[in-house]
PDB file of N, CA and C in Angstrom:
ATOM      1  N   MET A   1     -23.106 -59.441 -23.531  1.00  0.00           N
ATOM      2  CA  MET A   1     -24.059 -60.115 -22.665  1.00  0.00           C
ATOM      3  C   MET A   1     -23.478 -61.421 -22.113  1.00  0.00           C
ATOM      4  N   SER A   2     -22.726 -62.134 -22.948  1.00  0.00           N
ATOM      5  CA  SER A   2     -22.158 -63.400 -22.477  1.00  0.00           C
ATOM      6  C   SER A   2     -21.096 -63.162 -21.402  1.00  0.00           C
ATOM      7  N   GLU A   3     -20.399 -62.022 -21.482  1.00  0.00           N
ATOM      8  CA  GLU A   3     -19.406 -61.717 -20.451  1.00  0.00           C
ATOM      9  C   GLU A   3     -20.075 -61.507 -19.098  1.00  0.00           C
ATOM     10  N   LEU A   4     -21.244 -60.900 -19.110  1.00  0.00           N
ATOM     11  CA  LEU A   4     -21.972 -60.667 -17.865  1.00  0.00           C
ATOM     12  C   LEU A   4     -22.440 -61.979 -17.246  1.00  0.00           C
ATOM     13  N   VAL A   5     -22.926 -62.895 -18.063  1.00  0.00           N
ATOM     14  CA  VAL A   5     -23.366 -64.206 -17.572  1.00  0.00           C
ATOM     15  C   VAL A   5     -22.168 -65.005 -17.059  1.00  0.00           C
ATOM     16  N   LEU A   6     -21.069 -64.946 -17.774  1.00  0.00           N
ATOM     17  CA  LEU A   6     -19.853 -65.653 -17.353  1.00  0.00           C
ATOM     18  C   LEU A   6     -19.321 -65.092 -16.039  1.00  0.00           C
ATOM     19  N   LEU A   7     -19.332 -63.780 -15.892  1.00  0.00           N
ATOM     20  CA  LEU A   7     -18.867 -63.149 -14.660  1.00  0.00           C
ATOM     21  C   LEU A   7     -19.780 -63.491 -13.488  1.00  0.00           C
ATOM     22  N   ALA A   8     -21.087 -63.489 -13.730  1.00  0.00           N
ATOM     23  CA  ALA A   8     -22.036 -63.851 -12.672  1.00  0.00           C
ATOM     24  C   ALA A   8     -21.860 -65.314 -12.254  1.00  0.00           C
ATOM     25  N   GLY A   9     -21.621 -66.189 -13.225  1.00  0.00           N
ATOM     26  CA  GLY A   9     -21.374 -67.597 -12.910  1.00  0.00           C
ATOM     27  C   GLY A   9     -20.088 -67.791 -12.128  1.00  0.00           C
ATOM     28  N   PHE A  10     -19.066 -67.051 -12.498  1.00  0.00           N
ATOM     29  CA  PHE A  10     -17.787 -67.143 -11.782  1.00  0.00           C
ATOM     30  C   PHE A  10     -17.949 -66.704 -10.331  1.00  0.00           C
ATOM     31  N   PHE A  11     -18.618 -65.562 -10.128  1.00  0.00           N
ATOM     32  CA  PHE A  11     -18.817 -65.099  -8.759  1.00  0.00           C
ATOM     33  C   PHE A  11     -19.759 -66.015  -7.984  1.00  0.00           C
ATOM     34  N   GLY A  12     -20.699 -66.624  -8.660  1.00  0.00           N
ATOM     35  CA  GLY A  12     -21.592 -67.578  -7.998  1.00  0.00           C
ATOM     36  C   GLY A  12     -20.848 -68.803  -7.509  1.00  0.00           C
ATOM     37  N   ILE A  13     -19.995 -69.351  -8.363  1.00  0.00           N
ATOM     38  CA  ILE A  13     -19.205 -70.528  -7.974  1.00  0.00           C
ATOM     39  C   ILE A  13     -18.210 -70.166  -6.886  1.00  0.00           C
ATOM     40  N   LEU A  14     -17.591 -69.002  -7.000  1.00  0.00           N
ATOM     41  CA  LEU A  14     -16.654 -68.562  -5.969  1.00  0.00           C
ATOM     42  C   LEU A  14     -17.363 -68.368  -4.634  1.00  0.00           C
ATOM     43  N   GLY A  15     -18.527 -67.772  -4.642  1.00  0.00           N
ATOM     44  CA  GLY A  15     -19.295 -67.589  -3.415  1.00  0.00           C
ATOM     45  C   GLY A  15     -19.726 -68.914  -2.802  1.00  0.00           C
ATOM     46  N   LEU A  16     -20.116 -69.866  -3.652  1.00  0.00           N
ATOM     47  CA  LEU A  16     -20.519 -71.183  -3.158  1.00  0.00           C
ATOM     48  C   LEU A  16     -19.342 -71.906  -2.515  1.00  0.00           C
ATOM     49  N   LEU A  17     -18.180 -71.832  -3.140  1.00  0.00           N
ATOM     50  CA  LEU A  17     -17.002 -72.474  -2.558  1.00  0.00           C
ATOM     51  C   LEU A  17     -16.603 -71.840  -1.235  1.00  0.00           C
ATOM     52  N   LEU A  18     -16.669 -70.516  -1.155  1.00  0.00           N
ATOM     53  CA  LEU A  18     -16.357 -69.851   0.111  1.00  0.00           C
ATOM     54  C   LEU A  18     -17.375 -70.205   1.190  1.00  0.00           C
ATOM     55  N   TRP A  19     -18.646 -70.262   0.815  1.00  0.00           N
ATOM     56  CA  TRP A  19     -19.702 -70.584   1.786  1.00  0.00           C
ATOM     57  C   TRP A  19     -19.537 -72.002   2.309  1.00  0.00           C
ATOM     58  N   LEU A  20     -19.242 -72.943   1.420  1.00  0.00           N
ATOM     59  CA  LEU A  20     -19.043 -74.326   1.849  1.00  0.00           C
ATOM     60  C   LEU A  20     -17.750 -74.481   2.651  1.00  0.00           C
ATOM     61  N   GLY A  21     -16.745 -73.692   2.336  1.00  0.00           N
ATOM     62  CA  GLY A  21     -15.478 -73.780   3.061  1.00  0.00           C
ATOM     63  C   GLY A  21     -15.571 -73.232   4.469  1.00  0.00           C
ATOM     64  N   PHE A  22     -16.261 -72.122   4.647  1.00  0.00           N
ATOM     65  CA  PHE A  22     -16.364 -71.521   5.977  1.00  0.00           C
ATOM     66  C   PHE A  22     -17.451 -72.160   6.823  1.00  0.00           C
ATOM     67  N   ASP A  23     -18.383 -72.887   6.213  1.00  0.00           N
ATOM     68  CA  ASP A  23     -19.504 -73.460   6.951  1.00  0.00           C
ATOM     69  C   ASP A  23     -19.320 -74.957   7.152  1.00  0.00           C
ATOM     70  N   SER A  24     -18.079 -75.413   7.166  1.00  0.00           N
ATOM     71  CA  SER A  24     -17.849 -76.845   7.317  1.00  0.00           C
ATOM     72  C   SER A  24     -18.107 -77.268   8.760  1.00  0.00           C
ATOM     73  N   ASP A  25     -18.618 -78.491   8.919  1.00  0.00           N
ATOM     74  CA  ASP A  25     -18.973 -79.001  10.241  1.00  0.00           C
ATOM     75  C   ASP A  25     -17.921 -79.953  10.793  1.00  0.00           C
ATOM     76  N   ASP A  26     -16.804 -80.100  10.122  1.00  0.00           N
ATOM     77  CA  ASP A  26     -15.816 -81.058  10.572  1.00  0.00           C
ATOM     78  C   ASP A  26     -14.772 -80.462  11.503  1.00  0.00           C
ATOM     79  N   ASP A  27     -14.967 -79.242  11.971  1.00  0.00           N
ATOM     80  CA  ASP A  27     -13.980 -78.617  12.847  1.00  0.00           C
ATOM     81  C   ASP A  27     -14.368 -78.688  14.320  1.00  0.00           C
ATOM     82  N   ASN A  28     -15.479 -79.358  14.633  1.00  0.00           N
ATOM     83  CA  ASN A  28     -15.980 -79.483  16.016  1.00  0.00           C
ATOM     84  C   ASN A  28     -16.089 -78.112  16.674  1.00  0.00           C
ATOM     85  N   GLY A  29     -16.626 -77.159  15.956  1.00  0.00           N
ATOM     86  CA  GLY A  29     -16.768 -75.796  16.451  1.00  0.00           C
ATOM     87  C   GLY A  29     -17.975 -75.591  17.333  1.00  0.00           C
ATOM     88  N   GLY A  30     -18.713 -76.637  17.624  1.00  0.00           N
ATOM     89  CA  GLY A  30     -19.836 -76.508  18.535  1.00  0.00           C
ATOM     90  C   GLY A  30     -21.189 -76.584  17.873  1.00  0.00           C
ATOM     91  N   GLY A  31     -21.252 -76.627  16.575  1.00  0.00           N
ATOM     92  CA  GLY A  31     -22.545 -76.697  15.917  1.00  0.00           C
ATOM     93  C   GLY A  31     -22.548 -77.693  14.791  1.00  0.00           C
ATOM     94  N   GLY A  32     -23.708 -78.146  14.435  1.00  0.00           N
ATOM     95  CA  GLY A  32     -23.831 -79.056  13.306  1.00  0.00           C
ATOM     96  C   GLY A  32     -23.474 -80.483  13.675  1.00  0.00           C
ATOM     97  N   LEU A  33     -22.949 -81.210  12.727  1.00  0.00           N
ATOM     98  CA  LEU A  33     -22.618 -82.610  12.940  1.00  0.00           C
ATOM     99  C   LEU A  33     -21.307 -82.722  13.703  1.00  0.00           C
ATOM    100  N   MET A  34     -21.318 -83.513  14.752  1.00  0.00           N
ATOM    101  CA  MET A  34     -20.104 -83.719  15.539  1.00  0.00           C
ATOM    102  C   MET A  34     -19.860 -85.212  15.693  1.00  0.00           C
ATOM    103  N   GLN A  35     -18.671 -85.569  16.116  1.00  0.00           N
ATOM    104  CA  GLN A  35     -18.323 -86.962  16.297  1.00  0.00           C
ATOM    105  C   GLN A  35     -19.131 -87.549  17.456  1.00  0.00           C
ATOM    106  N   PRO A  36     -19.647 -88.765  17.288  1.00  0.00           N
ATOM    107  CA  PRO A  36     -20.398 -89.386  18.384  1.00  0.00           C
ATOM    108  C   PRO A  36     -19.468 -89.789  19.520  1.00  0.00           C
ATOM    109  N   SER A  37     -19.976 -89.699  20.735  1.00  0.00           N
ATOM    110  CA  SER A  37     -19.179 -90.128  21.887  1.00  0.00           C
ATOM    111  C   SER A  37     -19.491 -91.592  22.180  1.00  0.00           C
ATOM    112  N   LEU A  38     -18.460 -92.332  22.552  1.00  0.00           N
ATOM    113  CA  LEU A  38     -18.627 -93.755  22.849  1.00  0.00           C
ATOM    114  C   LEU A  38     -19.106 -93.920  24.288  1.00  0.00           C
ATOM    115  N   VAL A  39     -20.167 -94.695  24.454  1.00  0.00           N
ATOM    116  CA  VAL A  39     -20.748 -94.927  25.775  1.00  0.00           C
ATOM    117  C   VAL A  39     -20.524 -96.394  26.121  1.00  0.00           C
ATOM    118  N   PRO A  40     -19.928 -96.684  27.291  1.00  0.00           N
ATOM    119  CA  PRO A  40     -19.718 -98.089  27.657  1.00  0.00           C
ATOM    120  C   PRO A  40     -21.047 -98.794  27.944  1.00  0.00           C
ATOM    121  N   ILE A  41     -21.174-100.026  27.441  1.00  0.00           N
ATOM    122  CA  ILE A  41     -22.376-100.828  27.655  1.00  0.00           C
ATOM    123  C   ILE A  41     -22.006-102.004  28.529  1.00  0.00           C
ATOM    124  N   PRO A  42     -22.699-102.159  29.675  1.00  0.00           N
ATOM    125  CA  PRO A  42     -22.381-103.307  30.547  1.00  0.00           C
ATOM    126  C   PRO A  42     -22.733-104.638  29.879  1.00  0.00           C
ATOM    127  N   VAL A  43     -21.830-105.612  30.056  1.00  0.00           N
ATOM    128  CA  VAL A  43     -22.029-106.940  29.439  1.00  0.00           C
ATOM    129  C   VAL A  43     -22.077-107.963  30.554  1.00  0.00           C
ATOM    130  N   ARG A  44     -23.071-108.828  30.509  1.00  0.00           N
ATOM    131  CA  ARG A  44     -23.178-109.900  31.516  1.00  0.00           C
ATOM    132  C   ARG A  44     -22.219-111.023  31.160  1.00  0.00           C
ATOM    133  N   ARG A  45     -21.466-111.470  32.171  1.00  0.00           N
ATOM    134  CA  ARG A  45     -20.515-112.565  31.954  1.00  0.00           C
ATOM    135  C   ARG A  45     -21.145-113.918  32.256  1.00  0.00           C
ATOM    136  N   HIS A  46     -22.189-113.955  33.126  1.00  0.00           N
ATOM    137  CA  HIS A  46     -22.817-115.207  33.516  1.00  0.00           C
ATOM    138  C   HIS A  46     -24.289-115.182  33.129  1.00  0.00           C
ATOM    139  N   ARG A  47     -24.865-116.369  32.967  1.00  0.00           N
ATOM    140  CA  ARG A  47     -26.281-116.470  32.649  1.00  0.00           C
ATOM    141  C   ARG A  47     -27.122-116.483  33.874  1.00  0.00           C
TER     142      ARG A  47
END
C-alpha cells in the first residue's frame, strides 16, 4: 500500500513540475503576465 501512495505522490509532483514548466508566463507567448510597455510622459519645463 505504501508503494502505491509513494508512486502516486511521485507522479503528482512530476505532473505539477511539468504543468508549471509548460505554463510559464515569462516567455511573452501572448498570454498571461507580460512586461509593461514604457509610455513617455510630457514634462513641463516652465511654470
